[in-house]
Amino acid sequence: MLTLYPEVEPYATHRLDVGDGHSLYLEESGYPDGIPVLVVHGGPGAGSDAAARRFFDAERFRIILFDQRGSGRSTPFASLDNNTTDHLIEDMERIRAFLGIDRWLLFGGSWGATLSLLYAQRYPAPVLGMILRGIFLCRTSDIQWFLHEGASRVFPDYWEDFVALIPPEERQDLVSAYHQRLTGDNELQRLQAARAWSIWEGRCATLHPSPTVVEKFGQTHMATSLARIECHYFINGGFIEENQIMANVDRLRDIPARLVHGRYDMICPLENAMTLSDAWPEADLSIVRDAGHAASEPPIVDALIRATDAMSDRFGPEFGLS
């Protein structure tokens, strides 16, 4: 089983003003003349993770991480103003222009897979290829599975903790109930709601219980941006039309893609990936047994590194890499 590449530090960091009062954090690591790859983080609102650099051979890839609006080290922190899917797609194009990149790979998981697909459907020409994990099509049924009827039946004990903050009479619409608390004036209530939301997600993320993952999701900084921004997107249907990705799947036909999905993913069930794969047979789907949703699970790590190595072999000659 393949494991992560050695740790690598950024050789450059940037602040990119994208307008609307937002400034994005960007970093570059690896080989400056290598295959450009944009790492598109999940959530929305989770922020980038330095460990993501290690999915790539640093001698062959120009690895670009960024924090989406309101996330991580981007400012203003946890802001919902001028924060929609259209904004994020255009921000990715601004990053490409700012860095002087003609074509690049997209590497995204969960919401990062959603955003990568939407970007590629709008801007297919610059996309060399895509590696997508934990496919999330952002349909109403997908949001309902995670926040109402689905994961709750697999993790009923964790679910009780998630809904405990919400009075029974409000539980028929948890997205609205949480949105009210996450955007309200009561700071203590905002933090409680953020931690409850984020810890629920962390508990569902792995096949085997992982205190490390749950602790990460429960940290105040991550929980605040993840819960606020994710709930903001979910209450607005991801700021896309219902089933928009599938309606525009033909725009992806010519883009080489590898899809990686854990068989026991309880945040984004495998049906998401199967639906996309059935309509896009040109993409290679790897169903990873003994894995859930998290990129950190060893079988997922193995599948993702096999995918990045394959893309390296395919596109390396274009960038002078033997």
C-alpha atoms as a PDB file:
ATOM      1  CA  MET A   1       0.000   0.000   0.000  1.00  0.00           C
ATOM      2  CA  LEU A   2       1.358   3.408  -0.991  1.00  0.00           C
ATOM      3  CA  THR A   3       1.867   6.065   1.670  1.00  0.00           C
ATOM      4  CA  LEU A   4       2.199   9.820   1.619  1.00  0.00           C
ATOM      5  CA  TYR A   5       5.224  11.474   0.043  1.00  0.00           C
ATOM      6  CA  PRO A   6       7.696  13.219   2.409  1.00  0.00           C
ATOM      7  CA  GLU A   7       6.744  16.539   3.922  1.00  0.00           C
ATOM      8  CA  VAL A   8       7.482  19.605   1.817  1.00  0.00           C
ATOM      9  CA  GLU A   9       7.354  23.290   2.697  1.00  0.00           C
ATOM     10  CA  PRO A  10       6.056  26.073   0.425  1.00  0.00           C
ATOM     11  CA  TYR A  11       8.604  27.959  -1.624  1.00  0.00           C
ATOM     12  CA  ALA A  12       6.186  30.869  -2.083  1.00  0.00           C
ATOM     13  CA  THR A  13       3.086  32.258  -0.372  1.00  0.00           C
ATOM     14  CA  HIS A  14       0.741  34.923  -1.699  1.00  0.00           C
ATOM     15  CA  ARG A  15      -2.207  37.092  -0.756  1.00  0.00           C
ATOM     16  CA  LEU A  16      -4.595  37.555  -3.679  1.00  0.00           C
ATOM     17  CA  ASP A  17      -7.212  40.307  -3.571  1.00  0.00           C
ATOM     18  CA  VAL A  18     -10.243  38.915  -5.404  1.00  0.00           C
ATOM     19  CA  GLY A  19     -12.523  41.884  -4.767  1.00  0.00           C
ATOM     20  CA  ASP A  20     -15.672  42.146  -2.660  1.00  0.00           C
ATOM     21  CA  GLY A  21     -13.444  42.701   0.368  1.00  0.00           C
ATOM     22  CA  HIS A  22     -11.970  39.168   0.152  1.00  0.00           C
ATOM     23  CA  SER A  23      -8.274  38.267   0.167  1.00  0.00           C
ATOM     24  CA  LEU A  24      -7.202  34.673  -0.492  1.00  0.00           C
ATOM     25  CA  TYR A  25      -4.241  32.802   0.944  1.00  0.00           C
ATOM     26  CA  LEU A  26      -2.216  30.913  -1.700  1.00  0.00           C
ATOM     27  CA  GLU A  27       0.907  28.808  -1.460  1.00  0.00           C
ATOM     28  CA  GLU A  28       3.168  26.950  -3.877  1.00  0.00           C
ATOM     29  CA  SER A  29       5.384  23.994  -3.108  1.00  0.00           C
ATOM     30  CA  GLY A  30       7.186  21.276  -5.006  1.00  0.00           C
ATOM     31  CA  TYR A  31       8.893  21.889  -8.367  1.00  0.00           C
ATOM     32  CA  PRO A  32       8.191  25.362  -9.830  1.00  0.00           C
ATOM     33  CA  ASP A  33       8.397  24.042 -13.411  1.00  0.00           C
ATOM     34  CA  GLY A  34       6.474  20.874 -12.700  1.00  0.00           C
ATOM     35  CA  ILE A  35       2.903  19.886 -13.528  1.00  0.00           C
ATOM     36  CA  PRO A  36       0.640  22.528 -11.962  1.00  0.00           C
ATOM     37  CA  VAL A  37      -2.019  21.078  -9.679  1.00  0.00           C
ATOM     38  CA  LEU A  38      -4.597  23.074  -7.743  1.00  0.00           C
ATOM     39  CA  VAL A  39      -5.732  21.454  -4.503  1.00  0.00           C
ATOM     40  CA  VAL A  40      -9.394  22.363  -3.937  1.00  0.00           C
ATOM     41  CA  HIS A  41     -10.374  21.839  -0.316  1.00  0.00           C
ATOM     42  CA  GLY A  42     -13.690  20.674   0.999  1.00  0.00           C
ATOM     43  CA  GLY A  43     -16.372  21.914   3.303  1.00  0.00           C
ATOM     44  CA  PRO A  44     -17.115  24.433   1.968  1.00  0.00           C
ATOM     45  CA  GLY A  45     -15.272  26.280   4.693  1.00  0.00           C
ATOM     46  CA  ALA A  46     -12.759  23.662   5.842  1.00  0.00           C
ATOM     47  CA  GLY A  47      -9.647  25.466   4.601  1.00  0.00           C
ATOM     48  CA  SER A  48      -6.547  23.912   3.084  1.00  0.00           C
ATOM     49  CA  ASP A  49      -4.486  21.259   4.853  1.00  0.00           C
ATOM     50  CA  ALA A  50      -0.694  21.148   4.636  1.00  0.00           C
ATOM     51  CA  ALA A  51      -0.880  17.347   4.513  1.00  0.00           C
ATOM     52  CA  ALA A  52      -2.437  17.644   1.037  1.00  0.00           C
ATOM     53  CA  ARG A  53       0.988  18.573  -0.356  1.00  0.00           C
ATOM     54  CA  ARG A  54       2.099  15.023   0.374  1.00  0.00           C
ATOM     55  CA  PHE A  55      -0.198  13.396  -2.192  1.00  0.00           C
ATOM     56  CA  PHE A  56       2.232  14.560  -4.886  1.00  0.00           C
ATOM     57  CA  ASP A  57       5.809  13.862  -5.911  1.00  0.00           C
ATOM     58  CA  ALA A  58       7.402  17.213  -5.084  1.00  0.00           C
ATOM     59  CA  GLU A  59      10.005  16.698  -7.808  1.00  0.00           C
ATOM     60  CA  ARG A  60       7.329  16.532 -10.513  1.00  0.00           C
ATOM     61  CA  PHE A  61       4.423  18.727  -9.366  1.00  0.00           C
ATOM     62  CA  ARG A  62       3.936  22.425  -8.801  1.00  0.00           C
ATOM     63  CA  ILE A  63       1.543  22.062  -5.853  1.00  0.00           C
ATOM     64  CA  ILE A  64      -0.861  24.956  -5.277  1.00  0.00           C
ATOM     65  CA  LEU A  65      -2.987  25.183  -2.161  1.00  0.00           C
ATOM     66  CA  PHE A  66      -5.466  27.954  -1.431  1.00  0.00           C
ATOM     67  CA  ASP A  67      -8.092  28.816   1.144  1.00  0.00           C
ATOM     68  CA  GLN A  68     -11.514  29.566  -0.314  1.00  0.00           C
ATOM     69  CA  ARG A  69     -13.381  32.718   0.720  1.00  0.00           C
ATOM     70  CA  GLY A  70     -13.815  32.921   4.480  1.00  0.00           C
ATOM     71  CA  SER A  71     -11.752  29.766   5.108  1.00  0.00           C
ATOM     72  CA  GLY A  72      -8.390  29.039   6.698  1.00  0.00           C
ATOM     73  CA  ARG A  73      -6.055  32.008   6.328  1.00  0.00           C
ATOM     74  CA  SER A  74      -8.183  33.893   3.823  1.00  0.00           C
ATOM     75  CA  THR A  75      -9.865  37.049   5.061  1.00  0.00           C
ATOM     76  CA  PRO A  76     -12.327  38.143   6.287  1.00  0.00           C
ATOM     77  CA  PHE A  77     -12.547  34.954   8.310  1.00  0.00           C
ATOM     78  CA  ALA A  78     -15.816  32.997   8.171  1.00  0.00           C
ATOM     79  CA  SER A  79     -17.420  35.758   6.123  1.00  0.00           C
ATOM     80  CA  LEU A  80     -20.633  34.882   4.261  1.00  0.00           C
ATOM     81  CA  ASP A  81     -20.780  38.134   2.304  1.00  0.00           C
ATOM     82  CA  ASN A  82     -20.144  37.746  -1.431  1.00  0.00           C
ATOM     83  CA  ASN A  83     -19.455  34.073  -0.811  1.00  0.00           C
ATOM     84  CA  THR A  84     -21.189  31.878  -3.398  1.00  0.00           C
ATOM     85  CA  THR A  85     -20.201  29.103  -5.771  1.00  0.00           C
ATOM     86  CA  ASP A  86     -19.927  31.536  -8.667  1.00  0.00           C
ATOM     87  CA  HIS A  87     -17.502  33.621  -6.612  1.00  0.00           C
ATOM     88  CA  LEU A  88     -15.359  30.569  -5.862  1.00  0.00           C
ATOM     89  CA  ILE A  89     -15.259  29.431  -9.491  1.00  0.00           C
ATOM     90  CA  GLU A  90     -14.142  32.873 -10.635  1.00  0.00           C
ATOM     91  CA  ASP A  91     -11.588  33.005  -7.812  1.00  0.00           C
ATOM     92  CA  MET A  92     -10.010  29.836  -9.201  1.00  0.00           C
ATOM     93  CA  GLU A  93      -9.681  31.493 -12.598  1.00  0.00           C
ATOM     94  CA  ARG A  94      -8.090  34.529 -10.949  1.00  0.00           C
ATOM     95  CA  ILE A  95      -5.582  32.250  -9.241  1.00  0.00           C
ATOM     96  CA  ARG A  96      -4.689  30.636 -12.568  1.00  0.00           C
ATOM     97  CA  ALA A  97      -4.155  34.030 -14.204  1.00  0.00           C
ATOM     98  CA  PHE A  98      -2.220  35.378 -11.214  1.00  0.00           C
ATOM     99  CA  LEU A  99       0.181  32.429 -11.283  1.00  0.00           C
ATOM    100  CA  GLY A 100       0.560  32.522 -15.071  1.00  0.00           C
ATOM    101  CA  ILE A 101      -0.653  28.967 -15.591  1.00  0.00           C
ATOM    102  CA  ASP A 102      -2.064  27.885 -18.942  1.00  0.00           C
ATOM    103  CA  ARG A 103      -3.355  24.458 -17.939  1.00  0.00           C
ATOM    104  CA  TRP A 104      -3.507  22.648 -14.641  1.00  0.00           C
ATOM    105  CA  LEU A 105      -4.757  19.581 -12.835  1.00  0.00           C
ATOM    106  CA  LEU A 106      -7.536  19.820 -10.261  1.00  0.00           C
ATOM    107  CA  PHE A 107      -7.359  17.725  -7.089  1.00  0.00           C
ATOM    108  CA  GLY A 108     -10.424  17.958  -4.888  1.00  0.00           C
ATOM    109  CA  GLY A 109     -12.397  15.977  -2.360  1.00  0.00           C
ATOM    110  CA  SER A 110     -15.997  16.210  -1.154  1.00  0.00           C
ATOM    111  CA  TRP A 111     -17.052  19.844  -1.736  1.00  0.00           C
ATOM    112  CA  GLY A 112     -13.652  20.238  -3.400  1.00  0.00           C
ATOM    113  CA  ALA A 113     -14.795  17.639  -5.942  1.00  0.00           C
ATOM    114  CA  THR A 114     -18.073  19.535  -6.418  1.00  0.00           C
ATOM    115  CA  LEU A 115     -16.283  22.821  -7.014  1.00  0.00           C
ATOM    116  CA  SER A 116     -13.721  21.221  -9.326  1.00  0.00           C
ATOM    117  CA  LEU A 117     -16.498  19.708 -11.456  1.00  0.00           C
ATOM    118  CA  LEU A 118     -18.349  23.013 -11.647  1.00  0.00           C
ATOM    119  CA  TYR A 119     -15.154  24.887 -12.555  1.00  0.00           C
ATOM    120  CA  ALA A 120     -14.317  22.334 -15.258  1.00  0.00           C
ATOM    121  CA  GLN A 121     -17.812  22.598 -16.710  1.00  0.00           C
ATOM    122  CA  ARG A 122     -17.450  26.367 -16.981  1.00  0.00           C
ATOM    123  CA  TYR A 123     -13.775  26.426 -17.972  1.00  0.00           C
ATOM    124  CA  PRO A 124     -12.893  23.064 -19.556  1.00  0.00           C
ATOM    125  CA  ALA A 125     -10.008  24.349 -21.709  1.00  0.00           C
ATOM    126  CA  PRO A 126      -7.503  24.993 -18.863  1.00  0.00           C
ATOM    127  CA  VAL A 127      -8.166  21.653 -17.162  1.00  0.00           C
ATOM    128  CA  LEU A 128      -5.498  19.036 -17.933  1.00  0.00           C
ATOM    129  CA  GLY A 129      -7.231  16.456 -15.796  1.00  0.00           C
ATOM    130  CA  MET A 130      -8.937  15.880 -12.462  1.00  0.00           C
ATOM    131  CA  ILE A 131      -8.468  13.645  -9.444  1.00  0.00           C
ATOM    132  CA  LEU A 132     -11.630  13.706  -7.349  1.00  0.00           C
ATOM    133  CA  ARG A 133     -12.343  11.987  -4.043  1.00  0.00           C
ATOM    134  CA  GLY A 134     -15.613  11.506  -2.174  1.00  0.00           C
ATOM    135  CA  ILE A 135     -17.854  12.781  -4.949  1.00  0.00           C
ATOM    136  CA  PHE A 136     -20.547  15.181  -3.742  1.00  0.00           C
ATOM    137  CA  LEU A 137     -23.114  16.197  -6.366  1.00  0.00           C
ATOM    138  CA  CYS A 138     -24.743  18.719  -4.021  1.00  0.00           C
ATOM    139  CA  ARG A 139     -28.301  17.662  -4.836  1.00  0.00           C
ATOM    140  CA  THR A 140     -31.083  18.214  -2.326  1.00  0.00           C
ATOM    141  CA  SER A 141     -31.075  14.477  -1.608  1.00  0.00           C
ATOM    142  CA  ASP A 142     -27.337  14.566  -0.814  1.00  0.00           C
ATOM    143  CA  ILE A 143     -27.766  17.368   1.720  1.00  0.00           C
ATOM    144  CA  GLN A 144     -30.796  15.595   3.199  1.00  0.00           C
ATOM    145  CA  TRP A 145     -28.821  12.354   3.572  1.00  0.00           C
ATOM    146  CA  PHE A 146     -26.161  14.033   5.657  1.00  0.00           C
ATOM    147  CA  LEU A 147     -28.310  16.376   7.718  1.00  0.00           C
ATOM    148  CA  HIS A 148     -31.702  14.706   8.018  1.00  0.00           C
ATOM    149  CA  GLU A 149     -32.350  11.129   6.957  1.00  0.00           C
ATOM    150  CA  GLY A 150     -29.495   8.800   6.124  1.00  0.00           C
ATOM    151  CA  ALA A 151     -26.295   9.149   8.116  1.00  0.00           C
ATOM    152  CA  SER A 152     -28.496   9.623  11.179  1.00  0.00           C
ATOM    153  CA  ARG A 153     -29.575   5.973  10.922  1.00  0.00           C
ATOM    154  CA  VAL A 154     -25.979   4.749  10.731  1.00  0.00           C
ATOM    155  CA  PHE A 155     -24.748   6.919  13.602  1.00  0.00           C
ATOM    156  CA  PRO A 156     -27.831   7.420  15.813  1.00  0.00           C
ATOM    157  CA  ASP A 157     -25.724   8.028  18.929  1.00  0.00           C
ATOM    158  CA  TYR A 158     -23.680  10.753  17.231  1.00  0.00           C
ATOM    159  CA  TRP A 159     -26.912  12.107  15.743  1.00  0.00           C
ATOM    160  CA  GLU A 160     -28.395  12.610  19.205  1.00  0.00           C
ATOM    161  CA  ASP A 161     -25.465  14.853  20.093  1.00  0.00           C
ATOM    162  CA  PHE A 162     -25.854  16.773  16.813  1.00  0.00           C
ATOM    163  CA  VAL A 163     -29.540  17.560  17.311  1.00  0.00           C
ATOM    164  CA  ALA A 164     -29.378  18.111  21.084  1.00  0.00           C
ATOM    165  CA  LEU A 165     -28.789  21.826  20.573  1.00  0.00           C
ATOM    166  CA  ILE A 166     -31.996  22.208  18.547  1.00  0.00           C
ATOM    167  CA  PRO A 167     -35.455  22.111  20.201  1.00  0.00           C
ATOM    168  CA  PRO A 168     -37.644  19.217  18.950  1.00  0.00           C
ATOM    169  CA  GLU A 169     -40.098  21.569  17.253  1.00  0.00           C
ATOM    170  CA  GLU A 170     -37.285  22.917  14.984  1.00  0.00           C
ATOM    171  CA  ARG A 171     -35.722  19.603  14.005  1.00  0.00           C
ATOM    172  CA  GLN A 172     -37.795  19.142  10.854  1.00  0.00           C
ATOM    173  CA  ASP A 173     -35.488  21.704   9.198  1.00  0.00           C
ATOM    174  CA  LEU A 174     -32.070  21.410  10.776  1.00  0.00           C
ATOM    175  CA  VAL A 175     -30.325  23.489   8.121  1.00  0.00           C
ATOM    176  CA  SER A 176     -32.542  26.475   8.915  1.00  0.00           C
ATOM    177  CA  ALA A 177     -32.289  25.878  12.658  1.00  0.00           C
ATOM    178  CA  TYR A 178     -28.511  25.743  12.553  1.00  0.00           C
ATOM    179  CA  HIS A 179     -28.301  28.666  10.131  1.00  0.00           C
ATOM    180  CA  GLN A 180     -30.241  30.819  12.580  1.00  0.00           C
ATOM    181  CA  ARG A 181     -27.813  29.997  15.372  1.00  0.00           C
ATOM    182  CA  LEU A 182     -24.637  30.168  13.292  1.00  0.00           C
ATOM    183  CA  THR A 183     -25.500  33.638  12.000  1.00  0.00           C
ATOM    184  CA  GLY A 184     -27.102  35.028  15.156  1.00  0.00           C
ATOM    185  CA  ASP A 185     -25.784  37.633  17.587  1.00  0.00           C
ATOM    186  CA  ASN A 186     -25.207  35.235  20.486  1.00  0.00           C
ATOM    187  CA  GLU A 187     -21.492  34.439  20.337  1.00  0.00           C
ATOM    188  CA  LEU A 188     -21.667  31.493  22.739  1.00  0.00           C
ATOM    189  CA  GLN A 189     -24.553  29.961  20.800  1.00  0.00           C
ATOM    190  CA  ARG A 190     -22.673  30.450  17.524  1.00  0.00           C
ATOM    191  CA  LEU A 191     -19.651  28.577  18.878  1.00  0.00           C
ATOM    192  CA  GLN A 192     -21.752  25.767  20.353  1.00  0.00           C
ATOM    193  CA  ALA A 193     -23.581  25.317  17.076  1.00  0.00           C
ATOM    194  CA  ALA A 194     -20.355  25.418  15.078  1.00  0.00           C
ATOM    195  CA  ARG A 195     -18.695  22.741  17.193  1.00  0.00           C
ATOM    196  CA  ALA A 196     -21.757  20.490  17.175  1.00  0.00           C
ATOM    197  CA  TRP A 197     -22.067  20.736  13.379  1.00  0.00           C
ATOM    198  CA  SER A 198     -18.366  20.198  12.729  1.00  0.00           C
ATOM    199  CA  ILE A 199     -17.935  17.351  15.215  1.00  0.00           C
ATOM    200  CA  TRP A 200     -20.909  15.545  13.640  1.00  0.00           C
ATOM    201  CA  GLU A 201     -19.101  15.748  10.301  1.00  0.00           C
ATOM    202  CA  GLY A 202     -15.800  14.602  11.802  1.00  0.00           C
ATOM    203  CA  ARG A 203     -17.439  11.610  13.456  1.00  0.00           C
ATOM    204  CA  CYS A 204     -19.002  10.533  10.156  1.00  0.00           C
ATOM    205  CA  ALA A 205     -15.828  10.998   8.122  1.00  0.00           C
ATOM    206  CA  THR A 206     -13.982   7.740   8.766  1.00  0.00           C
ATOM    207  CA  LEU A 207     -14.835   4.066   8.600  1.00  0.00           C
ATOM    208  CA  HIS A 208     -13.146   3.403  11.942  1.00  0.00           C
ATOM    209  CA  PRO A 209     -13.511   5.960  14.772  1.00  0.00           C
ATOM    210  CA  SER A 210     -10.692   8.486  14.641  1.00  0.00           C
ATOM    211  CA  PRO A 211     -10.231  10.739  17.699  1.00  0.00           C
ATOM    212  CA  THR A 212      -7.597  12.661  15.728  1.00  0.00           C
ATOM    213  CA  VAL A 213     -10.070  13.573  12.971  1.00  0.00           C
ATOM    214  CA  VAL A 214     -12.810  14.460  15.461  1.00  0.00           C
ATOM    215  CA  GLU A 215     -10.407  16.634  17.456  1.00  0.00           C
ATOM    216  CA  LYS A 216      -9.382  18.475  14.290  1.00  0.00           C
ATOM    217  CA  PHE A 217     -12.996  19.141  13.338  1.00  0.00           C
ATOM    218  CA  GLY A 218     -13.766  20.301  16.855  1.00  0.00           C
ATOM    219  CA  GLN A 219     -11.068  22.975  16.934  1.00  0.00           C
ATOM    220  CA  THR A 220     -12.667  26.412  17.204  1.00  0.00           C
ATOM    221  CA  HIS A 221     -11.045  27.967  14.133  1.00  0.00           C
ATOM    222  CA  MET A 222     -11.970  25.178  11.740  1.00  0.00           C
ATOM    223  CA  ALA A 223     -15.382  24.519  13.280  1.00  0.00           C
ATOM    224  CA  THR A 224     -16.362  28.174  12.993  1.00  0.00           C
ATOM    225  CA  SER A 225     -15.624  28.557   9.300  1.00  0.00           C
ATOM    226  CA  LEU A 226     -16.709  25.058   8.311  1.00  0.00           C
ATOM    227  CA  ALA A 227     -20.094  25.187  10.020  1.00  0.00           C
ATOM    228  CA  ARG A 228     -20.964  28.775   9.099  1.00  0.00           C
ATOM    229  CA  ILE A 229     -19.940  28.551   5.461  1.00  0.00           C
ATOM    230  CA  GLU A 230     -21.189  24.998   4.896  1.00  0.00           C
ATOM    231  CA  CYS A 231     -24.589  25.814   6.364  1.00  0.00           C
ATOM    232  CA  HIS A 232     -24.701  29.034   4.314  1.00  0.00           C
ATOM    233  CA  TYR A 233     -24.128  27.010   1.141  1.00  0.00           C
ATOM    234  CA  PHE A 234     -26.537  24.231   2.067  1.00  0.00           C
ATOM    235  CA  ILE A 235     -29.415  26.557   2.898  1.00  0.00           C
ATOM    236  CA  ASN A 236     -28.910  28.012  -0.585  1.00  0.00           C
ATOM    237  CA  GLY A 237     -28.689  24.644  -2.339  1.00  0.00           C
ATOM    238  CA  GLY A 238     -24.987  25.114  -2.991  1.00  0.00           C
ATOM    239  CA  PHE A 239     -25.858  28.177  -5.091  1.00  0.00           C
ATOM    240  CA  ILE A 240     -26.414  25.888  -8.084  1.00  0.00           C
ATOM    241  CA  GLU A 241     -29.418  24.509  -9.932  1.00  0.00           C
ATOM    242  CA  GLU A 242     -30.783  21.171  -8.795  1.00  0.00           C
ATOM    243  CA  ASN A 243     -28.714  18.385 -10.392  1.00  0.00           C
ATOM    244  CA  GLN A 244     -26.609  20.977 -12.233  1.00  0.00           C
ATOM    245  CA  ILE A 245     -23.474  18.837 -12.403  1.00  0.00           C
ATOM    246  CA  MET A 246     -25.252  15.916 -14.014  1.00  0.00           C
ATOM    247  CA  ALA A 247     -27.152  18.179 -16.402  1.00  0.00           C
ATOM    248  CA  ASN A 248     -23.810  19.438 -17.752  1.00  0.00           C
ATOM    249  CA  VAL A 249     -21.774  16.240 -17.620  1.00  0.00           C
ATOM    250  CA  ASP A 250     -21.156  16.295 -21.389  1.00  0.00           C
ATOM    251  CA  ARG A 251     -18.829  19.258 -20.880  1.00  0.00           C
ATOM    252  CA  LEU A 252     -16.420  16.934 -19.056  1.00  0.00           C
ATOM    253  CA  ARG A 253     -16.070  14.295 -21.782  1.00  0.00           C
ATOM    254  CA  ASP A 254     -12.595  15.275 -22.984  1.00  0.00           C
ATOM    255  CA  ILE A 255     -11.059  15.754 -19.528  1.00  0.00           C
ATOM    256  CA  PRO A 256      -9.024  12.815 -18.162  1.00  0.00           C
ATOM    257  CA  ALA A 257     -10.306  12.035 -14.677  1.00  0.00           C
ATOM    258  CA  ARG A 258      -9.828   9.581 -11.847  1.00  0.00           C
ATOM    259  CA  LEU A 259     -12.565   9.261  -9.246  1.00  0.00           C
ATOM    260  CA  VAL A 260     -11.779   7.787  -5.823  1.00  0.00           C
ATOM    261  CA  HIS A 261     -14.609   6.907  -3.442  1.00  0.00           C
ATOM    262  CA  GLY A 262     -14.740   4.949  -0.208  1.00  0.00           C
ATOM    263  CA  ARG A 263     -17.348   2.204  -0.268  1.00  0.00           C
ATOM    264  CA  TYR A 264     -18.519   3.096   3.247  1.00  0.00           C
ATOM    265  CA  ASP A 265     -18.554   6.863   2.817  1.00  0.00           C
ATOM    266  CA  MET A 266     -21.341   8.106   5.123  1.00  0.00           C
ATOM    267  CA  ILE A 267     -21.010  11.802   4.280  1.00  0.00           C
ATOM    268  CA  CYS A 268     -21.171  11.421   0.503  1.00  0.00           C
ATOM    269  CA  PRO A 269     -22.597   7.959  -0.225  1.00  0.00           C
ATOM    270  CA  LEU A 270     -21.113   5.937  -3.064  1.00  0.00           C
ATOM    271  CA  GLU A 271     -24.271   6.514  -5.114  1.00  0.00           C
ATOM    272  CA  ASN A 272     -22.916  10.013  -5.883  1.00  0.00           C
ATOM    273  CA  ALA A 273     -19.837   8.564  -7.564  1.00  0.00           C
ATOM    274  CA  MET A 274     -21.761   5.796  -9.315  1.00  0.00           C
ATOM    275  CA  THR A 275     -24.247   8.282 -10.766  1.00  0.00           C
ATOM    276  CA  LEU A 276     -21.424  10.448 -12.093  1.00  0.00           C
ATOM    277  CA  SER A 277     -19.433   7.470 -13.391  1.00  0.00           C
ATOM    278  CA  ASP A 278     -22.430   5.956 -15.192  1.00  0.00           C
ATOM    279  CA  ALA A 279     -22.974   9.219 -17.075  1.00  0.00           C
ATOM    280  CA  TRP A 280     -19.230   9.838 -17.573  1.00  0.00           C
ATOM    281  CA  PRO A 281     -17.724   6.440 -18.425  1.00  0.00           C
ATOM    282  CA  GLU A 282     -14.554   8.087 -19.710  1.00  0.00           C
ATOM    283  CA  ALA A 283     -13.621   8.788 -16.070  1.00  0.00           C
ATOM    284  CA  ASP A 284     -11.902   6.006 -14.133  1.00  0.00           C
ATOM    285  CA  LEU A 285     -13.713   5.148 -10.886  1.00  0.00           C
ATOM    286  CA  SER A 286     -11.911   3.378  -8.028  1.00  0.00           C
ATOM    287  CA  ILE A 287     -14.228   2.129  -5.290  1.00  0.00           C
ATOM    288  CA  VAL A 288     -12.041   1.794  -2.224  1.00  0.00           C
ATOM    289  CA  ARG A 289     -13.024  -0.993   0.131  1.00  0.00           C
ATOM    290  CA  ASP A 290     -12.450  -0.621   3.869  1.00  0.00           C
ATOM    291  CA  ALA A 291     -12.700   3.168   3.664  1.00  0.00           C
ATOM    292  CA  GLY A 292     -15.118   5.973   4.391  1.00  0.00           C
ATOM    293  CA  HIS A 293     -14.898   9.630   3.398  1.00  0.00           C
ATOM    294  CA  ALA A 294     -11.655  11.027   4.802  1.00  0.00           C
ATOM    295  CA  ALA A 295      -8.604  11.576   2.620  1.00  0.00           C
ATOM    296  CA  SER A 296      -6.421  10.505   5.549  1.00  0.00           C
ATOM    297  CA  GLU A 297      -7.663   6.895   5.618  1.00  0.00           C
ATOM    298  CA  PRO A 298      -4.792   4.651   4.422  1.00  0.00           C
ATOM    299  CA  PRO A 299      -6.713   2.914   1.584  1.00  0.00           C
ATOM    300  CA  ILE A 300      -7.833   6.335   0.287  1.00  0.00           C
ATOM    301  CA  VAL A 301      -4.261   7.635   0.522  1.00  0.00           C
ATOM    302  CA  ASP A 302      -3.095   4.662  -1.520  1.00  0.00           C
ATOM    303  CA  ALA A 303      -5.716   5.217  -4.231  1.00  0.00           C
ATOM    304  CA  LEU A 304      -5.058   8.960  -4.441  1.00  0.00           C
ATOM    305  CA  ILE A 305      -1.294   8.552  -4.766  1.00  0.00           C
ATOM    306  CA  ARG A 306      -1.767   5.949  -7.477  1.00  0.00           C
ATOM    307  CA  ALA A 307      -3.942   8.534  -9.247  1.00  0.00           C
ATOM    308  CA  THR A 308      -1.419  11.378  -8.916  1.00  0.00           C
ATOM    309  CA  ASP A 309       1.405   9.085 -10.069  1.00  0.00           C
ATOM    310  CA  ALA A 310      -0.656   8.087 -13.109  1.00  0.00           C
ATOM    311  CA  MET A 311      -1.315  11.729 -13.973  1.00  0.00           C
ATOM    312  CA  SER A 312       2.398  12.427 -13.517  1.00  0.00           C
ATOM    313  CA  ASP A 313       3.279   9.700 -16.005  1.00  0.00           C
ATOM    314  CA  ARG A 314       0.669  10.945 -18.453  1.00  0.00           C
ATOM    315  CA  PHE A 315       1.449  14.653 -18.404  1.00  0.00           C
ATOM    316  CA  GLY A 316       5.077  14.730 -17.279  1.00  0.00           C
ATOM    317  CA  PRO A 317       6.509  14.807 -20.841  1.00  0.00           C
ATOM    318  CA  GLU A 318       4.521  17.986 -21.579  1.00  0.00           C
ATOM    319  CA  PHE A 319       6.487  19.678 -18.802  1.00  0.00           C
ATOM    320  CA  GLY A 320       9.880  18.237 -19.708  1.00  0.00           C
ATOM    321  CA  LEU A 321       9.729  15.492 -17.095  1.00  0.00           C
ATOM    322  CA  SER A 322      10.996  12.092 -18.147  1.00  0.00           C
END
